[in-house]
N, C-alpha and C. Protein backbone atom coordinates (compact mmCIF):
# COMPACT_ATOMS: atom_id res chain seq x y z
N MET A 1 0.81 -1.19 0.00
CA MET A 1 0.00 0.00 0.00
C MET A 1 0.86 1.25 0.00
N ALA A 2 1.97 1.23 0.67
CA ALA A 2 2.81 2.42 0.77
C ALA A 2 3.39 2.81 -0.59
N LEU A 3 3.56 1.85 -1.47
CA LEU A 3 4.12 2.17 -2.77
C LEU A 3 3.11 2.86 -3.68
N ASN A 4 1.82 2.73 -3.39
CA ASN A 4 0.79 3.35 -4.22
C ASN A 4 0.38 4.72 -3.73
N ILE A 5 0.98 5.22 -2.67
CA ILE A 5 0.60 6.52 -2.11
C ILE A 5 1.22 7.63 -2.95
N PRO A 6 0.38 8.54 -3.46
CA PRO A 6 0.95 9.68 -4.19
C PRO A 6 1.63 10.62 -3.20
N ASN A 7 2.69 11.22 -3.61
CA ASN A 7 3.44 12.18 -2.79
C ASN A 7 3.88 11.56 -1.46
N ILE A 8 4.59 10.47 -1.53
CA ILE A 8 5.06 9.81 -0.31
C ILE A 8 6.03 10.70 0.46
N GLN A 9 6.63 11.67 -0.22
CA GLN A 9 7.53 12.60 0.46
C GLN A 9 6.76 13.42 1.50
N ILE A 10 5.50 13.76 1.20
CA ILE A 10 4.69 14.52 2.16
C ILE A 10 4.44 13.67 3.40
N LEU A 11 4.15 12.40 3.20
CA LEU A 11 3.92 11.50 4.31
C LEU A 11 5.16 11.39 5.20
N ILE A 12 6.31 11.18 4.59
CA ILE A 12 7.56 11.05 5.35
C ILE A 12 7.89 12.36 6.07
N PHE A 13 7.74 13.47 5.36
CA PHE A 13 8.02 14.78 5.97
C PHE A 13 7.08 15.04 7.14
N SER A 14 5.80 14.67 7.00
CA SER A 14 4.83 14.89 8.08
C SER A 14 5.18 14.07 9.31
N LEU A 15 5.58 12.81 9.12
CA LEU A 15 5.97 11.97 10.25
C LEU A 15 7.20 12.53 10.96
N ILE A 16 8.18 12.97 10.19
CA ILE A 16 9.39 13.54 10.79
C ILE A 16 9.06 14.84 11.52
N LEU A 17 8.26 15.69 10.89
CA LEU A 17 7.90 16.97 11.51
C LEU A 17 7.11 16.75 12.80
N GLY A 18 6.16 15.80 12.78
CA GLY A 18 5.40 15.49 13.98
C GLY A 18 6.28 14.97 15.11
N GLY A 19 7.25 14.13 14.76
CA GLY A 19 8.18 13.63 15.77
C GLY A 19 9.03 14.74 16.36
N LEU A 20 9.49 15.65 15.52
CA LEU A 20 10.30 16.77 16.01
C LEU A 20 9.48 17.71 16.90
N ILE A 21 8.26 18.00 16.50
CA ILE A 21 7.42 18.90 17.30
C ILE A 21 7.11 18.25 18.65
N GLY A 22 6.77 16.96 18.63
CA GLY A 22 6.51 16.25 19.88
C GLY A 22 7.72 16.23 20.78
N ASN A 23 8.89 16.09 20.19
CA ASN A 23 10.12 16.09 20.97
C ASN A 23 10.41 17.47 21.54
N LEU A 24 10.19 18.52 20.75
CA LEU A 24 10.44 19.88 21.24
C LEU A 24 9.46 20.27 22.34
N LEU A 25 8.22 19.82 22.24
CA LEU A 25 7.22 20.14 23.26
C LEU A 25 7.35 19.24 24.49
N GLU A 26 8.19 18.22 24.40
CA GLU A 26 8.44 17.27 25.50
C GLU A 26 7.13 16.67 26.01
N ILE A 27 6.32 16.19 25.08
CA ILE A 27 5.02 15.64 25.44
C ILE A 27 5.16 14.41 26.33
N GLU A 28 6.05 13.52 25.97
CA GLU A 28 6.21 12.28 26.75
C GLU A 28 6.64 12.58 28.19
N GLU A 29 7.57 13.50 28.36
CA GLU A 29 8.03 13.84 29.70
C GLU A 29 6.92 14.47 30.53
N LYS A 30 6.09 15.30 29.90
CA LYS A 30 4.99 15.93 30.63
C LYS A 30 3.94 14.91 31.06
N ILE A 31 3.67 13.93 30.20
CA ILE A 31 2.72 12.88 30.58
C ILE A 31 3.30 12.04 31.71
N LEU A 32 4.59 11.74 31.66
CA LEU A 32 5.22 10.99 32.75
C LEU A 32 5.18 11.77 34.07
N LYS A 33 5.42 13.08 34.01
CA LYS A 33 5.34 13.91 35.22
C LYS A 33 3.93 13.92 35.79
N PHE A 34 2.93 13.99 34.90
CA PHE A 34 1.55 13.96 35.35
C PHE A 34 1.22 12.61 35.99
N GLY A 35 1.75 11.53 35.43
CA GLY A 35 1.57 10.21 36.02
C GLY A 35 2.20 10.11 37.39
N GLU A 36 3.37 10.70 37.56
CA GLU A 36 4.02 10.73 38.88
C GLU A 36 3.20 11.56 39.87
N TYR A 37 2.62 12.66 39.39
CA TYR A 37 1.77 13.48 40.24
C TYR A 37 0.54 12.68 40.70
N LEU A 38 -0.09 11.97 39.78
CA LEU A 38 -1.23 11.14 40.15
C LEU A 38 -0.83 10.07 41.15
N LYS A 39 0.35 9.50 40.96
CA LYS A 39 0.84 8.47 41.88
C LYS A 39 1.00 9.05 43.29
N ARG A 40 1.50 10.30 43.36
CA ARG A 40 1.68 10.94 44.67
C ARG A 40 0.35 11.24 45.34
N ILE A 41 -0.61 11.79 44.58
CA ILE A 41 -1.87 12.17 45.23
C ILE A 41 -2.73 10.96 45.58
N MET A 42 -2.50 9.82 44.93
CA MET A 42 -3.24 8.60 45.27
C MET A 42 -2.50 7.77 46.32
N HIS A 43 -1.36 8.27 46.76
CA HIS A 43 -0.55 7.62 47.80
C HIS A 43 -0.20 6.18 47.44
N LEU A 44 0.25 5.98 46.21
CA LEU A 44 0.69 4.66 45.79
C LEU A 44 2.15 4.49 46.18
N ASN A 45 2.49 3.40 46.79
CA ASN A 45 3.85 3.17 47.27
C ASN A 45 4.56 2.11 46.44
N GLU A 46 4.52 2.24 45.16
CA GLU A 46 5.22 1.26 44.33
C GLU A 46 6.58 1.81 43.94
N LYS A 47 7.50 0.91 43.74
CA LYS A 47 8.85 1.32 43.39
C LYS A 47 9.00 1.37 41.88
N GLY A 48 9.84 2.25 41.42
CA GLY A 48 10.05 2.38 39.99
C GLY A 48 9.02 3.30 39.36
N ALA A 49 9.05 3.35 38.06
CA ALA A 49 8.15 4.24 37.34
C ALA A 49 7.06 3.46 36.62
N THR A 50 6.63 2.35 37.20
CA THR A 50 5.66 1.52 36.49
C THR A 50 4.29 2.19 36.37
N PHE A 51 3.84 2.92 37.39
CA PHE A 51 2.55 3.59 37.30
C PHE A 51 2.59 4.68 36.24
N ALA A 52 3.61 5.52 36.28
CA ALA A 52 3.72 6.62 35.32
C ALA A 52 3.91 6.08 33.91
N LYS A 53 4.70 5.04 33.77
CA LYS A 53 4.92 4.44 32.45
C LYS A 53 3.63 3.80 31.94
N GLY A 54 2.90 3.15 32.83
CA GLY A 54 1.60 2.59 32.45
C GLY A 54 0.61 3.67 32.08
N PHE A 55 0.67 4.80 32.79
CA PHE A 55 -0.20 5.93 32.49
C PHE A 55 0.11 6.49 31.10
N LEU A 56 1.36 6.42 30.69
CA LEU A 56 1.76 6.88 29.37
C LEU A 56 1.38 5.85 28.30
N ASP A 57 1.58 4.57 28.59
CA ASP A 57 1.36 3.53 27.59
C ASP A 57 -0.11 3.19 27.37
N ALA A 58 -0.95 3.31 28.38
CA ALA A 58 -2.35 2.92 28.26
C ALA A 58 -3.11 3.71 27.18
N PRO A 59 -3.01 5.04 27.14
CA PRO A 59 -3.72 5.74 26.06
C PRO A 59 -3.21 5.37 24.68
N VAL A 60 -1.92 5.16 24.57
CA VAL A 60 -1.37 4.78 23.27
C VAL A 60 -1.91 3.43 22.84
N LEU A 61 -2.00 2.51 23.78
CA LEU A 61 -2.46 1.16 23.47
C LEU A 61 -3.96 1.12 23.18
N PHE A 62 -4.76 1.81 23.99
CA PHE A 62 -6.21 1.65 23.89
C PHE A 62 -6.92 2.78 23.15
N CYS A 63 -6.35 3.97 23.09
CA CYS A 63 -7.05 5.10 22.48
C CYS A 63 -6.65 5.32 21.03
N ILE A 64 -5.47 4.93 20.67
CA ILE A 64 -5.02 5.13 19.31
C ILE A 64 -5.15 3.81 18.57
N GLY A 65 -6.19 3.70 17.81
CA GLY A 65 -6.44 2.48 17.06
C GLY A 65 -5.87 2.57 15.67
N PRO A 66 -5.91 1.47 14.96
CA PRO A 66 -5.37 1.47 13.60
C PRO A 66 -6.09 2.45 12.67
N MET A 67 -7.41 2.59 12.83
CA MET A 67 -8.12 3.51 11.95
C MET A 67 -7.74 4.96 12.24
N THR A 68 -7.36 5.25 13.48
CA THR A 68 -6.93 6.60 13.82
C THR A 68 -5.65 6.95 13.09
N VAL A 69 -4.70 6.04 13.13
CA VAL A 69 -3.42 6.28 12.48
C VAL A 69 -3.59 6.35 10.97
N VAL A 70 -4.25 5.36 10.40
CA VAL A 70 -4.43 5.33 8.95
C VAL A 70 -5.30 6.50 8.49
N GLY A 71 -6.34 6.81 9.26
CA GLY A 71 -7.20 7.94 8.90
C GLY A 71 -6.46 9.26 8.91
N SER A 72 -5.59 9.44 9.89
CA SER A 72 -4.80 10.68 9.94
C SER A 72 -3.84 10.78 8.77
N LEU A 73 -3.22 9.66 8.43
CA LEU A 73 -2.31 9.68 7.28
C LEU A 73 -3.07 9.96 5.99
N GLU A 74 -4.23 9.34 5.83
CA GLU A 74 -5.01 9.57 4.62
C GLU A 74 -5.54 11.00 4.57
N ALA A 75 -5.91 11.57 5.70
CA ALA A 75 -6.38 12.96 5.71
C ALA A 75 -5.25 13.90 5.30
N GLY A 76 -4.03 13.59 5.72
CA GLY A 76 -2.89 14.38 5.29
C GLY A 76 -2.64 14.30 3.80
N LEU A 77 -3.07 13.20 3.21
CA LEU A 77 -2.93 13.03 1.77
C LEU A 77 -4.21 13.40 1.02
N CYS A 78 -5.15 14.05 1.72
CA CYS A 78 -6.43 14.49 1.16
C CYS A 78 -7.29 13.31 0.68
N LEU A 79 -7.22 12.20 1.36
CA LEU A 79 -8.09 11.05 1.10
C LEU A 79 -8.93 10.87 2.35
N PHE A 80 -10.21 11.18 2.27
CA PHE A 80 -11.06 11.21 3.46
C PHE A 80 -12.00 10.02 3.56
N ASN A 81 -11.68 8.91 2.93
CA ASN A 81 -12.57 7.75 2.92
C ASN A 81 -12.87 7.22 4.32
N ILE A 82 -11.87 7.05 5.14
CA ILE A 82 -12.07 6.47 6.47
C ILE A 82 -12.90 7.40 7.35
N TYR A 83 -12.61 8.70 7.31
CA TYR A 83 -13.38 9.63 8.12
C TYR A 83 -14.84 9.67 7.68
N LEU A 84 -15.08 9.63 6.37
CA LEU A 84 -16.46 9.64 5.88
C LEU A 84 -17.18 8.36 6.27
N GLN A 85 -16.49 7.23 6.20
CA GLN A 85 -17.10 5.97 6.59
C GLN A 85 -17.47 5.97 8.07
N LYS A 86 -16.57 6.48 8.90
CA LYS A 86 -16.85 6.53 10.34
C LYS A 86 -17.99 7.50 10.63
N HIS A 87 -18.04 8.59 9.91
CA HIS A 87 -19.08 9.59 10.15
C HIS A 87 -20.45 9.07 9.75
N PHE A 88 -20.57 8.54 8.56
CA PHE A 88 -21.88 8.13 8.05
C PHE A 88 -22.33 6.79 8.60
N ARG A 89 -21.48 6.09 9.29
CA ARG A 89 -21.86 4.82 9.90
C ARG A 89 -22.90 5.05 10.98
N TRP A 90 -22.89 6.21 11.63
CA TRP A 90 -23.80 6.48 12.73
C TRP A 90 -25.15 6.96 12.28
N PHE A 91 -25.34 7.21 11.00
CA PHE A 91 -26.63 7.72 10.51
C PHE A 91 -27.43 6.63 9.86
C-alpha cells in the first residue's frame, strides 16, 4: 500500500515533523510527570516508574487504534474515505 501513495515525500516529511514537534514540546516527559503526580496524590507506594509508564502507555495502546493512524495519514494526503465511513456509519 505504501508504494501506491501519491506524494510519499509529504507522508515522510509529516511523520518527521510530527516527531520533532513532539520532541520539542516534550510531550512524553509531561505525561510521565503527570503520572508521577497522580501516583503521589493517590498515595501509591510502588517502586520504579511503572505507574507513570503505564499511564503513558495505556492511552497509546487503547485510544489510538489502527483507523486513527491510517485515517490521519489519509487525511494528510487528502483522502477522506475512512473519516467519511466513520461519520456516516452512525446515521
